[in-house]
Amino acid sequence: MISTTSINLYGLGDTNGNGTYNSGTSTPKINPIKGGTYAFLASGTFSSGTTLTLQHKVGGAYVDIGSDAVLTSPGGCTFTTSQTELQLVVSNRTGTSAKNETLYVEIAPIDTI
């Protein structure tokens, strides 16, 4: 099972660059994970108001992982989940230029020894 996702959101989403990405039919896809502890990292241009929210699927619905997994500027967090499906929600980007700003996201397992 692939458990790392690296994406560049440049030029993606609606007219302002907002969108929802998961392991379903979205492009790009968020790869399924095995459960465990992961890093959620983001860098690039966060235009005013841009919000990245990482969610996991619990039952039939995606729910926020927690406040640490809501980014409004470059940064990141670690999170632990027993779930296997993740979703990234990009919101509050405004203006047509926001869609063309480079925004990188990485979701990767953290090895524990």
PDB file of N, CA and C in Angstrom:
ATOM      1  N   MET A   1       0.843  -1.185   0.000  1.00  0.00           N
ATOM      2  CA  MET A   1       0.000   0.000   0.000  1.00  0.00           C
ATOM      3  C   MET A   1       0.887   1.247   0.000  1.00  0.00           C
ATOM      4  N   ILE A   2       0.614   2.168  -0.902  1.00  0.00           N
ATOM      5  CA  ILE A   2       1.334   3.442  -0.929  1.00  0.00           C
ATOM      6  C   ILE A   2       0.831   4.275   0.238  1.00  0.00           C
ATOM      7  N   SER A   3       1.751   4.906   0.957  1.00  0.00           N
ATOM      8  CA  SER A   3       1.288   5.679   2.103  1.00  0.00           C
ATOM      9  C   SER A   3       1.852   7.089   2.151  1.00  0.00           C
ATOM     10  N   THR A   4       2.539   7.535   1.109  1.00  0.00           N
ATOM     11  CA  THR A   4       3.035   8.907   1.046  1.00  0.00           C
ATOM     12  C   THR A   4       2.355   9.625  -0.106  1.00  0.00           C
ATOM     13  N   THR A   5       1.975  10.871   0.124  1.00  0.00           N
ATOM     14  CA  THR A   5       1.384  11.703  -0.916  1.00  0.00           C
ATOM     15  C   THR A   5       2.171  12.996  -0.995  1.00  0.00           C
ATOM     16  N   SER A   6       2.611  13.362  -2.188  1.00  0.00           N
ATOM     17  CA  SER A   6       3.269  14.644  -2.451  1.00  0.00           C
ATOM     18  C   SER A   6       2.547  15.286  -3.619  1.00  0.00           C
ATOM     19  N   ILE A   7       1.968  16.476  -3.405  1.00  0.00           N
ATOM     20  CA  ILE A   7       1.231  17.135  -4.481  1.00  0.00           C
ATOM     21  C   ILE A   7       1.568  18.614  -4.550  1.00  0.00           C
ATOM     22  N   ASN A   8       1.449  19.163  -5.747  1.00  0.00           N
ATOM     23  CA  ASN A   8       1.573  20.593  -5.988  1.00  0.00           C
ATOM     24  C   ASN A   8       0.206  21.052  -6.462  1.00  0.00           C
ATOM     25  N   LEU A   9      -0.405  21.966  -5.732  1.00  0.00           N
ATOM     26  CA  LEU A   9      -1.768  22.411  -6.039  1.00  0.00           C
ATOM     27  C   LEU A   9      -1.809  23.572  -7.028  1.00  0.00           C
ATOM     28  N   TYR A  10      -0.693  23.856  -7.702  1.00  0.00           N
ATOM     29  CA  TYR A  10      -0.645  24.933  -8.686  1.00  0.00           C
ATOM     30  C   TYR A  10      -1.639  24.674  -9.813  1.00  0.00           C
ATOM     31  N   GLY A  11      -2.525  25.629 -10.056  1.00  0.00           N
ATOM     32  CA  GLY A  11      -3.456  25.539 -11.168  1.00  0.00           C
ATOM     33  C   GLY A  11      -4.617  24.580 -10.970  1.00  0.00           C
ATOM     34  N   LEU A  12      -4.775  24.018  -9.776  1.00  0.00           N
ATOM     35  CA  LEU A  12      -5.836  23.045  -9.531  1.00  0.00           C
ATOM     36  C   LEU A  12      -7.000  23.671  -8.782  1.00  0.00           C
ATOM     37  N   GLY A  13      -8.126  22.970  -8.775  1.00  0.00           N
ATOM     38  CA  GLY A  13      -9.300  23.420  -8.030  1.00  0.00           C
ATOM     39  C   GLY A  13     -10.224  24.269  -8.878  1.00  0.00           C
ATOM     40  N   ASP A  14     -11.097  24.997  -8.204  1.00  0.00           N
ATOM     41  CA  ASP A  14     -12.053  25.850  -8.906  1.00  0.00           C
ATOM     42  C   ASP A  14     -11.349  27.105  -9.424  1.00  0.00           C
ATOM     43  N   THR A  15     -12.103  28.107  -9.830  1.00  0.00           N
ATOM     44  CA  THR A  15     -11.498  29.309 -10.415  1.00  0.00           C
ATOM     45  C   THR A  15     -10.572  30.043  -9.446  1.00  0.00           C
ATOM     46  N   ASN A  16     -10.751  29.841  -8.146  1.00  0.00           N
ATOM     47  CA  ASN A  16      -9.884  30.469  -7.148  1.00  0.00           C
ATOM     48  C   ASN A  16      -8.839  29.519  -6.581  1.00  0.00           C
ATOM     49  N   GLY A  17      -8.865  28.255  -6.994  1.00  0.00           N
ATOM     50  CA  GLY A  17      -7.888  27.293  -6.493  1.00  0.00           C
ATOM     51  C   GLY A  17      -8.367  26.490  -5.302  1.00  0.00           C
ATOM     52  N   ASN A  18      -9.660  26.571  -4.971  1.00  0.00           N
ATOM     53  CA  ASN A  18     -10.209  25.788  -3.866  1.00  0.00           C
ATOM     54  C   ASN A  18     -10.641  24.415  -4.375  1.00  0.00           C
ATOM     55  N   GLY A  19     -10.591  23.409  -3.494  1.00  0.00           N
ATOM     56  CA  GLY A  19     -11.022  22.084  -3.914  1.00  0.00           C
ATOM     57  C   GLY A  19     -10.901  21.064  -2.804  1.00  0.00           C
ATOM     58  N   THR A  20     -11.374  19.858  -3.075  1.00  0.00           N
ATOM     59  CA  THR A  20     -11.327  18.747  -2.136  1.00  0.00           C
ATOM     60  C   THR A  20     -10.637  17.578  -2.818  1.00  0.00           C
ATOM     61  N   TYR A  21      -9.645  17.009  -2.141  1.00  0.00           N
ATOM     62  CA  TYR A  21      -8.825  15.945  -2.714  1.00  0.00           C
ATOM     63  C   TYR A  21      -8.807  14.747  -1.768  1.00  0.00           C
ATOM     64  N   ASN A  22      -9.112  13.550  -2.311  1.00  0.00           N
ATOM     65  CA  ASN A  22      -9.116  12.333  -1.503  1.00  0.00           C
ATOM     66  C   ASN A  22      -8.688  11.165  -2.383  1.00  0.00           C
ATOM     67  N   SER A  23      -8.918   9.949  -1.939  1.00  0.00           N
ATOM     68  CA  SER A  23      -8.496   8.780  -2.713  1.00  0.00           C
ATOM     69  C   SER A  23      -9.552   8.331  -3.718  1.00  0.00           C
ATOM     70  N   GLY A  24     -10.644   9.072  -3.817  1.00  0.00           N
ATOM     71  CA  GLY A  24     -11.715   8.729  -4.758  1.00  0.00           C
ATOM     72  C   GLY A  24     -11.393   9.180  -6.166  1.00  0.00           C
ATOM     73  N   THR A  25     -12.229  10.057  -6.711  1.00  0.00           N
ATOM     74  CA  THR A  25     -12.076  10.471  -8.102  1.00  0.00           C
ATOM     75  C   THR A  25     -11.349  11.797  -8.258  1.00  0.00           C
ATOM     76  N   SER A  26     -10.824  12.361  -7.190  1.00  0.00           N
ATOM     77  CA  SER A  26     -10.172  13.665  -7.294  1.00  0.00           C
ATOM     78  C   SER A  26      -8.849  13.549  -8.037  1.00  0.00           C
ATOM     79  N   THR A  27      -8.430  14.673  -8.619  1.00  0.00           N
ATOM     80  CA  THR A  27      -7.115  14.775  -9.238  1.00  0.00           C
ATOM     81  C   THR A  27      -6.462  16.020  -8.695  1.00  0.00           C
ATOM     82  N   PRO A  28      -5.346  15.913  -8.000  1.00  0.00           N
ATOM     83  CA  PRO A  28      -4.637  14.666  -7.692  1.00  0.00           C
ATOM     84  C   PRO A  28      -5.324  13.903  -6.568  1.00  0.00           C
ATOM     85  N   LYS A  29      -4.928  12.669  -6.405  1.00  0.00           N
ATOM     86  CA  LYS A  29      -5.479  11.815  -5.352  1.00  0.00           C
ATOM     87  C   LYS A  29      -4.612  11.886  -4.091  1.00  0.00           C
ATOM     88  N   ILE A  30      -5.241  11.648  -2.956  1.00  0.00           N
ATOM     89  CA  ILE A  30      -4.533  11.456  -1.697  1.00  0.00           C
ATOM     90  C   ILE A  30      -4.411   9.950  -1.520  1.00  0.00           C
ATOM     91  N   ASN A  31      -3.207   9.433  -1.461  1.00  0.00           N
ATOM     92  CA  ASN A  31      -3.010   7.987  -1.377  1.00  0.00           C
ATOM     93  C   ASN A  31      -3.553   7.422  -0.072  1.00  0.00           C
ATOM     94  N   PRO A  32      -4.141   6.226  -0.117  1.00  0.00           N
ATOM     95  CA  PRO A  32      -4.579   5.566   1.117  1.00  0.00           C
ATOM     96  C   PRO A  32      -3.382   5.327   2.037  1.00  0.00           C
ATOM     97  N   ILE A  33      -3.642   5.283   3.327  1.00  0.00           N
ATOM     98  CA  ILE A  33      -2.577   5.045   4.299  1.00  0.00           C
ATOM     99  C   ILE A  33      -2.885   3.772   5.078  1.00  0.00           C
ATOM    100  N   LYS A  34      -1.952   3.349   5.911  1.00  0.00           N
ATOM    101  CA  LYS A  34      -2.125   2.133   6.696  1.00  0.00           C
ATOM    102  C   LYS A  34      -2.607   2.422   8.115  1.00  0.00           C
ATOM    103  N   GLY A  35      -2.778   3.672   8.457  1.00  0.00           N
ATOM    104  CA  GLY A  35      -3.013   4.014   9.849  1.00  0.00           C
ATOM    105  C   GLY A  35      -1.651   4.163  10.509  1.00  0.00           C
ATOM    106  N   GLY A  36      -1.580   4.920  11.577  1.00  0.00           N
ATOM    107  CA  GLY A  36      -0.317   5.138  12.256  1.00  0.00           C
ATOM    108  C   GLY A  36      -0.068   6.614  12.450  1.00  0.00           C
ATOM    109  N   THR A  37       1.213   6.979  12.598  1.00  0.00           N
ATOM    110  CA  THR A  37       1.603   8.369  12.824  1.00  0.00           C
ATOM    111  C   THR A  37       2.208   8.930  11.546  1.00  0.00           C
ATOM    112  N   TYR A  38       1.750  10.101  11.160  1.00  0.00           N
ATOM    113  CA  TYR A  38       2.130  10.734   9.902  1.00  0.00           C
ATOM    114  C   TYR A  38       2.478  12.203  10.113  1.00  0.00           C
ATOM    115  N   ALA A  39       3.222  12.745   9.135  1.00  0.00           N
ATOM    116  CA  ALA A  39       3.490  14.184   9.070  1.00  0.00           C
ATOM    117  C   ALA A  39       2.602  14.776   7.981  1.00  0.00           C
ATOM    118  N   PHE A  40       2.021  15.926   8.266  1.00  0.00           N
ATOM    119  CA  PHE A  40       1.249  16.714   7.301  1.00  0.00           C
ATOM    120  C   PHE A  40       1.998  18.024   7.158  1.00  0.00           C
ATOM    121  N   LEU A  41       2.597  18.263   5.987  1.00  0.00           N
ATOM    122  CA  LEU A  41       3.460  19.417   5.767  1.00  0.00           C
ATOM    123  C   LEU A  41       2.981  20.217   4.568  1.00  0.00           C
ATOM    124  N   ALA A  42       3.134  21.542   4.633  1.00  0.00           N
ATOM    125  CA  ALA A  42       2.747  22.395   3.513  1.00  0.00           C
ATOM    126  C   ALA A  42       3.715  23.563   3.402  1.00  0.00           C
ATOM    127  N   SER A  43       4.003  23.935   2.160  1.00  0.00           N
ATOM    128  CA  SER A  43       4.847  25.102   1.906  1.00  0.00           C
ATOM    129  C   SER A  43       4.348  25.783   0.643  1.00  0.00           C
ATOM    130  N   GLY A  44       4.885  26.949   0.369  1.00  0.00           N
ATOM    131  CA  GLY A  44       4.506  27.693  -0.821  1.00  0.00           C
ATOM    132  C   GLY A  44       3.785  28.968  -0.458  1.00  0.00           C
ATOM    133  N   THR A  45       2.996  29.447  -1.392  1.00  0.00           N
ATOM    134  CA  THR A  45       2.303  30.720  -1.228  1.00  0.00           C
ATOM    135  C   THR A  45       0.900  30.497  -0.687  1.00  0.00           C
ATOM    136  N   PHE A  46       0.675  30.965   0.522  1.00  0.00           N
ATOM    137  CA  PHE A  46      -0.656  30.940   1.128  1.00  0.00           C
ATOM    138  C   PHE A  46      -1.227  32.341   0.959  1.00  0.00           C
ATOM    139  N   SER A  47      -2.043  32.544  -0.078  1.00  0.00           N
ATOM    140  CA  SER A  47      -2.660  33.854  -0.242  1.00  0.00           C
ATOM    141  C   SER A  47      -3.548  34.114   0.973  1.00  0.00           C
ATOM    142  N   SER A  48      -3.857  35.365   1.202  1.00  0.00           N
ATOM    143  CA  SER A  48      -4.627  35.754   2.376  1.00  0.00           C
ATOM    144  C   SER A  48      -5.882  34.908   2.518  1.00  0.00           C
ATOM    145  N   GLY A  49      -6.016  34.226   3.647  1.00  0.00           N
ATOM    146  CA  GLY A  49      -7.202  33.430   3.934  1.00  0.00           C
ATOM    147  C   GLY A  49      -7.106  31.962   3.570  1.00  0.00           C
ATOM    148  N   THR A  50      -6.096  31.570   2.779  1.00  0.00           N
ATOM    149  CA  THR A  50      -5.982  30.171   2.357  1.00  0.00           C
ATOM    150  C   THR A  50      -5.937  29.252   3.571  1.00  0.00           C
ATOM    151  N   THR A  51      -6.735  28.193   3.531  1.00  0.00           N
ATOM    152  CA  THR A  51      -6.792  27.219   4.615  1.00  0.00           C
ATOM    153  C   THR A  51      -6.700  25.814   4.041  1.00  0.00           C
ATOM    154  N   LEU A  52      -5.803  25.005   4.601  1.00  0.00           N
ATOM    155  CA  LEU A  52      -5.697  23.585   4.273  1.00  0.00           C
ATOM    156  C   LEU A  52      -6.176  22.804   5.478  1.00  0.00           C
ATOM    157  N   THR A  53      -7.162  21.942   5.289  1.00  0.00           N
ATOM    158  CA  THR A  53      -7.722  21.140   6.374  1.00  0.00           C
ATOM    159  C   THR A  53      -7.579  19.669   6.017  1.00  0.00           C
ATOM    160  N   LEU A  54      -6.896  18.910   6.875  1.00  0.00           N
ATOM    161  CA  LEU A  54      -6.741  17.479   6.663  1.00  0.00           C
ATOM    162  C   LEU A  54      -7.813  16.744   7.457  1.00  0.00           C
ATOM    163  N   GLN A  55      -8.479  15.806   6.784  1.00  0.00           N
ATOM    164  CA  GLN A  55      -9.560  15.044   7.400  1.00  0.00           C
ATOM    165  C   GLN A  55      -9.304  13.547   7.205  1.00  0.00           C
ATOM    166  N   HIS A  56      -9.899  12.737   8.086  1.00  0.00           N
ATOM    167  CA  HIS A  56      -9.877  11.285   7.887  1.00  0.00           C
ATOM    168  C   HIS A  56     -11.314  10.787   7.851  1.00  0.00           C
ATOM    169  N   LYS A  57     -11.492   9.639   7.168  1.00  0.00           N
ATOM    170  CA  LYS A  57     -12.840   9.098   6.995  1.00  0.00           C
ATOM    171  C   LYS A  57     -13.174   8.203   8.176  1.00  0.00           C
ATOM    172  N   VAL A  58     -14.228   8.568   8.886  1.00  0.00           N
ATOM    173  CA  VAL A  58     -14.708   7.806  10.032  1.00  0.00           C
ATOM    174  C   VAL A  58     -16.129   7.366   9.693  1.00  0.00           C
ATOM    175  N   GLY A  59     -16.326   6.056   9.577  1.00  0.00           N
ATOM    176  CA  GLY A  59     -17.613   5.568   9.090  1.00  0.00           C
ATOM    177  C   GLY A  59     -17.758   5.997   7.646  1.00  0.00           C
ATOM    178  N   GLY A  60     -18.821   6.669   7.321  1.00  0.00           N
ATOM    179  CA  GLY A  60     -19.033   7.115   5.948  1.00  0.00           C
ATOM    180  C   GLY A  60     -18.748   8.579   5.706  1.00  0.00           C
ATOM    181  N   ALA A  61     -18.191   9.276   6.701  1.00  0.00           N
ATOM    182  CA  ALA A  61     -17.997  10.720   6.558  1.00  0.00           C
ATOM    183  C   ALA A  61     -16.565  11.129   6.874  1.00  0.00           C
ATOM    184  N   TYR A  62     -16.097  12.167   6.177  1.00  0.00           N
ATOM    185  CA  TYR A  62     -14.801  12.752   6.488  1.00  0.00           C
ATOM    186  C   TYR A  62     -14.977  13.775   7.602  1.00  0.00           C
ATOM    187  N   VAL A  63     -14.100  13.701   8.602  1.00  0.00           N
ATOM    188  CA  VAL A  63     -14.127  14.634   9.726  1.00  0.00           C
ATOM    189  C   VAL A  63     -12.720  15.183   9.934  1.00  0.00           C
ATOM    190  N   ASP A  64     -12.648  16.405  10.460  1.00  0.00           N
ATOM    191  CA  ASP A  64     -11.351  17.027  10.719  1.00  0.00           C
ATOM    192  C   ASP A  64     -10.534  16.170  11.673  1.00  0.00           C
ATOM    193  N   ILE A  65      -9.242  16.069  11.395  1.00  0.00           N
ATOM    194  CA  ILE A  65      -8.338  15.326  12.283  1.00  0.00           C
ATOM    195  C   ILE A  65      -8.151  16.092  13.584  1.00  0.00           C
ATOM    196  N   GLY A  66      -8.097  17.391  13.518  1.00  0.00           N
ATOM    197  CA  GLY A  66      -7.939  18.223  14.708  1.00  0.00           C
ATOM    198  C   GLY A  66      -7.412  19.585  14.315  1.00  0.00           C
ATOM    199  N   SER A  67      -7.381  20.498  15.264  1.00  0.00           N
ATOM    200  CA  SER A  67      -7.000  21.882  14.971  1.00  0.00           C
ATOM    201  C   SER A  67      -5.556  22.001  14.481  1.00  0.00           C
ATOM    202  N   ASP A  68      -4.662  21.111  14.904  1.00  0.00           N
ATOM    203  CA  ASP A  68      -3.276  21.159  14.427  1.00  0.00           C
ATOM    204  C   ASP A  68      -3.182  20.837  12.944  1.00  0.00           C
ATOM    205  N   ALA A  69      -4.166  20.134  12.392  1.00  0.00           N
ATOM    206  CA  ALA A  69      -4.157  19.742  10.979  1.00  0.00           C
ATOM    207  C   ALA A  69      -4.962  20.718  10.123  1.00  0.00           C
ATOM    208  N   VAL A  70      -5.098  21.960  10.613  1.00  0.00           N
ATOM    209  CA  VAL A  70      -5.697  23.051   9.844  1.00  0.00           C
ATOM    210  C   VAL A  70      -4.611  24.107   9.699  1.00  0.00           C
ATOM    211  N   LEU A  71      -4.105  24.274   8.477  1.00  0.00           N
ATOM    212  CA  LEU A  71      -2.975  25.179   8.241  1.00  0.00           C
ATOM    213  C   LEU A  71      -3.435  26.414   7.478  1.00  0.00           C
ATOM    214  N   THR A  72      -3.000  27.591   7.958  1.00  0.00           N
ATOM    215  CA  THR A  72      -3.292  28.849   7.285  1.00  0.00           C
ATOM    216  C   THR A  72      -2.010  29.542   6.830  1.00  0.00           C
ATOM    217  N   SER A  73      -0.892  28.860   6.997  1.00  0.00           N
ATOM    218  CA  SER A  73       0.410  29.350   6.553  1.00  0.00           C
ATOM    219  C   SER A  73       1.327  28.139   6.416  1.00  0.00           C
ATOM    220  N   PRO A  74       2.489  28.309   5.766  1.00  0.00           N
ATOM    221  CA  PRO A  74       3.397  27.175   5.653  1.00  0.00           C
ATOM    222  C   PRO A  74       3.711  26.583   7.023  1.00  0.00           C
ATOM    223  N   GLY A  75       3.769  25.280   7.096  1.00  0.00           N
ATOM    224  CA  GLY A  75       4.042  24.620   8.369  1.00  0.00           C
ATOM    225  C   GLY A  75       3.616  23.176   8.306  1.00  0.00           C
ATOM    226  N   GLY A  76       3.297  22.624   9.464  1.00  0.00           N
ATOM    227  CA  GLY A  76       2.880  21.237   9.487  1.00  0.00           C
ATOM    228  C   GLY A  76       2.565  20.757  10.883  1.00  0.00           C
ATOM    229  N   CYS A  77       2.263  19.470  10.947  1.00  0.00           N
ATOM    230  CA  CYS A  77       1.961  18.836  12.218  1.00  0.00           C
ATOM    231  C   CYS A  77       2.160  17.342  12.062  1.00  0.00           C
ATOM    232  N   THR A  78       2.124  16.652  13.168  1.00  0.00           N
ATOM    233  CA  THR A  78       2.058  15.197  13.141  1.00  0.00           C
ATOM    234  C   THR A  78       0.671  14.804  13.624  1.00  0.00           C
ATOM    235  N   PHE A  79       0.201  13.655  13.141  1.00  0.00           N
ATOM    236  CA  PHE A  79      -1.099  13.163  13.578  1.00  0.00           C
ATOM    237  C   PHE A  79      -1.071  11.648  13.584  1.00  0.00           C
ATOM    238  N   THR A  80      -1.921  11.074  14.411  1.00  0.00           N
ATOM    239  CA  THR A  80      -2.056   9.624  14.491  1.00  0.00           C
ATOM    240  C   THR A  80      -3.505   9.271  14.212  1.00  0.00           C
ATOM    241  N   THR A  81      -3.697   8.259  13.379  1.00  0.00           N
ATOM    242  CA  THR A  81      -5.044   7.812  13.051  1.00  0.00           C
ATOM    243  C   THR A  81      -5.045   6.306  12.840  1.00  0.00           C
ATOM    244  N   SER A  82      -6.175   5.709  13.098  1.00  0.00           N
ATOM    245  CA  SER A  82      -6.348   4.290  12.784  1.00  0.00           C
ATOM    246  C   SER A  82      -7.047   4.121  11.441  1.00  0.00           C
ATOM    247  N   GLN A  83      -7.442   5.233  10.836  1.00  0.00           N
ATOM    248  CA  GLN A  83      -8.186   5.201   9.574  1.00  0.00           C
ATOM    249  C   GLN A  83      -7.244   5.062   8.379  1.00  0.00           C
ATOM    250  N   THR A  84      -7.797   4.706   7.219  1.00  0.00           N
ATOM    251  CA  THR A  84      -6.973   4.486   6.032  1.00  0.00           C
ATOM    252  C   THR A  84      -7.235   5.482   4.904  1.00  0.00           C
ATOM    253  N   GLU A  85      -8.276   6.309   5.024  1.00  0.00           N
ATOM    254  CA  GLU A  85      -8.594   7.271   3.978  1.00  0.00           C
ATOM    255  C   GLU A  85      -8.495   8.696   4.509  1.00  0.00           C
ATOM    256  N   LEU A  86      -7.771   9.528   3.750  1.00  0.00           N
ATOM    257  CA  LEU A  86      -7.595  10.934   4.102  1.00  0.00           C
ATOM    258  C   LEU A  86      -8.215  11.814   3.029  1.00  0.00           C
ATOM    259  N   GLN A  87      -8.518  13.049   3.423  1.00  0.00           N
ATOM    260  CA  GLN A  87      -9.040  14.043   2.487  1.00  0.00           C
ATOM    261  C   GLN A  87      -8.415  15.387   2.828  1.00  0.00           C
ATOM    262  N   LEU A  88      -8.023  16.140   1.807  1.00  0.00           N
ATOM    263  CA  LEU A  88      -7.489  17.482   1.968  1.00  0.00           C
ATOM    264  C   LEU A  88      -8.492  18.465   1.399  1.00  0.00           C
ATOM    265  N   VAL A  89      -8.899  19.435   2.214  1.00  0.00           N
ATOM    266  CA  VAL A  89      -9.828  20.472   1.769  1.00  0.00           C
ATOM    267  C   VAL A  89      -9.050  21.783   1.684  1.00  0.00           C
ATOM    268  N   VAL A  90      -9.020  22.376   0.489  1.00  0.00           N
ATOM    269  CA  VAL A  90      -8.373  23.669   0.263  1.00  0.00           C
ATOM    270  C   VAL A  90      -9.497  24.684   0.155  1.00  0.00           C
ATOM    271  N   SER A  91      -9.483  25.681   1.038  1.00  0.00           N
ATOM    272  CA  SER A  91     -10.586  26.649   1.056  1.00  0.00           C
ATOM    273  C   SER A  91     -10.077  28.063   1.286  1.00  0.00           C
ATOM    274  N   ASN A  92     -10.951  29.006   1.061  1.00  0.00           N
ATOM    275  CA  ASN A  92     -10.741  30.429   1.313  1.00  0.00           C
ATOM    276  C   ASN A  92      -9.680  31.086   0.446  1.00  0.00           C
ATOM    277  N   ARG A  93      -9.247  30.405  -0.633  1.00  0.00           N
ATOM    278  CA  ARG A  93      -8.369  31.078  -1.593  1.00  0.00           C
ATOM    279  C   ARG A  93      -9.258  32.003  -2.406  1.00  0.00           C
ATOM    280  N   THR A  94      -8.821  33.225  -2.608  1.00  0.00           N
ATOM    281  CA  THR A  94      -9.644  34.185  -3.340  1.00  0.00           C
ATOM    282  C   THR A  94      -8.831  34.842  -4.443  1.00  0.00           C
ATOM    283  N   GLY A  95      -9.522  35.264  -5.478  1.00  0.00           N
ATOM    284  CA  GLY A  95      -8.877  35.930  -6.599  1.00  0.00           C
ATOM    285  C   GLY A  95      -8.338  34.926  -7.597  1.00  0.00           C
ATOM    286  N   THR A  96      -8.400  35.273  -8.849  1.00  0.00           N
ATOM    287  CA  THR A  96      -7.970  34.343  -9.892  1.00  0.00           C
ATOM    288  C   THR A  96      -6.487  34.032  -9.809  1.00  0.00           C
ATOM    289  N   SER A  97      -5.681  34.918  -9.254  1.00  0.00           N
ATOM    290  CA  SER A  97      -4.240  34.648  -9.157  1.00  0.00           C
ATOM    291  C   SER A  97      -3.940  33.573  -8.114  1.00  0.00           C
ATOM    292  N   ALA A  98      -4.818  33.376  -7.131  1.00  0.00           N
ATOM    293  CA  ALA A  98      -4.565  32.382  -6.078  1.00  0.00           C
ATOM    294  C   ALA A  98      -4.441  30.984  -6.669  1.00  0.00           C
ATOM    295  N   LYS A  99      -5.222  30.677  -7.687  1.00  0.00           N
ATOM    296  CA  LYS A  99      -5.170  29.351  -8.313  1.00  0.00           C
ATOM    297  C   LYS A  99      -3.795  29.080  -8.907  1.00  0.00           C
ATOM    298  N   ASN A 100      -3.084  30.134  -9.299  1.00  0.00           N
ATOM    299  CA  ASN A 100      -1.785  29.980  -9.937  1.00  0.00           C
ATOM    300  C   ASN A 100      -0.614  30.202  -8.998  1.00  0.00           C
ATOM    301  N   GLU A 101      -0.868  30.124  -7.719  1.00  0.00           N
ATOM    302  CA  GLU A 101       0.210  30.194  -6.730  1.00  0.00           C
ATOM    303  C   GLU A 101       0.630  28.773  -6.370  1.00  0.00           C
ATOM    304  N   THR A 102       1.918  28.578  -6.217  1.00  0.00           N
ATOM    305  CA  THR A 102       2.442  27.259  -5.902  1.00  0.00           C
ATOM    306  C   THR A 102       2.185  26.938  -4.441  1.00  0.00           C
ATOM    307  N   LEU A 103       1.568  25.789  -4.208  1.00  0.00           N
ATOM    308  CA  LEU A 103       1.267  25.315  -2.863  1.00  0.00           C
ATOM    309  C   LEU A 103       1.563  23.817  -2.831  1.00  0.00           C
ATOM    310  N   TYR A 104       2.558  23.428  -2.050  1.00  0.00           N
ATOM    311  CA  TYR A 104       2.982  22.030  -1.963  1.00  0.00           C
ATOM    312  C   TYR A 104       2.450  21.405  -0.684  1.00  0.00           C
ATOM    313  N   VAL A 105       2.016  20.146  -0.794  1.00  0.00           N
ATOM    314  CA  VAL A 105       1.542  19.390   0.371  1.00  0.00           C
ATOM    315  C   VAL A 105       2.198  18.030   0.371  1.00  0.00           C
ATOM    316  N   GLU A 106       2.646  17.596   1.546  1.00  0.00           N
ATOM    317  CA  GLU A 106       3.227  16.270   1.713  1.00  0.00           C
ATOM    318  C   GLU A 106       2.570  15.614   2.922  1.00  0.00           C
ATOM    319  N   ILE A 107       2.162  14.367   2.740  1.00  0.00           N
ATOM    320  CA  ILE A 107       1.632  13.549   3.835  1.00  0.00           C
ATOM    321  C   ILE A 107       2.482  12.293   3.825  1.00  0.00           C
ATOM    322  N   ALA A 108       3.218  12.062   4.910  1.00  0.00           N
ATOM    323  CA  ALA A 108       4.183  10.954   4.919  1.00  0.00           C
ATOM    324  C   ALA A 108       4.225  10.280   6.270  1.00  0.00           C
ATOM    325  N   PRO A 109       4.468   8.964   6.271  1.00  0.00           N
ATOM    326  CA  PRO A 109       4.565   8.244   7.543  1.00  0.00           C
ATOM    327  C   PRO A 109       5.814   8.654   8.310  1.00  0.00           C
ATOM    328  N   ILE A 110       5.690   8.592   9.610  1.00  0.00           N
ATOM    329  CA  ILE A 110       6.839   8.826  10.484  1.00  0.00           C
ATOM    330  C   ILE A 110       7.241   7.475  11.058  1.00  0.00           C
ATOM    331  N   ASP A 111       8.453   7.064  10.747  1.00  0.00           N
ATOM    332  CA  ASP A 111       8.940   5.784  11.250  1.00  0.00           C
ATOM    333  C   ASP A 111       9.231   5.896  12.735  1.00  0.00           C
ATOM    334  N   THR A 112       8.756   4.929  13.471  1.00  0.00           N
ATOM    335  CA  THR A 112       9.063   4.875  14.899  1.00  0.00           C
ATOM    336  C   THR A 112       9.938   3.671  15.161  1.00  0.00           C
ATOM    337  N   ILE A 113      10.929   3.862  16.005  1.00  0.00           N
ATOM    338  CA  ILE A 113      11.874   2.789  16.293  1.00  0.00           C
ATOM    339  C   ILE A 113      11.699   2.348  17.729  1.00  0.00           C
TER     340      ILE A 113
END
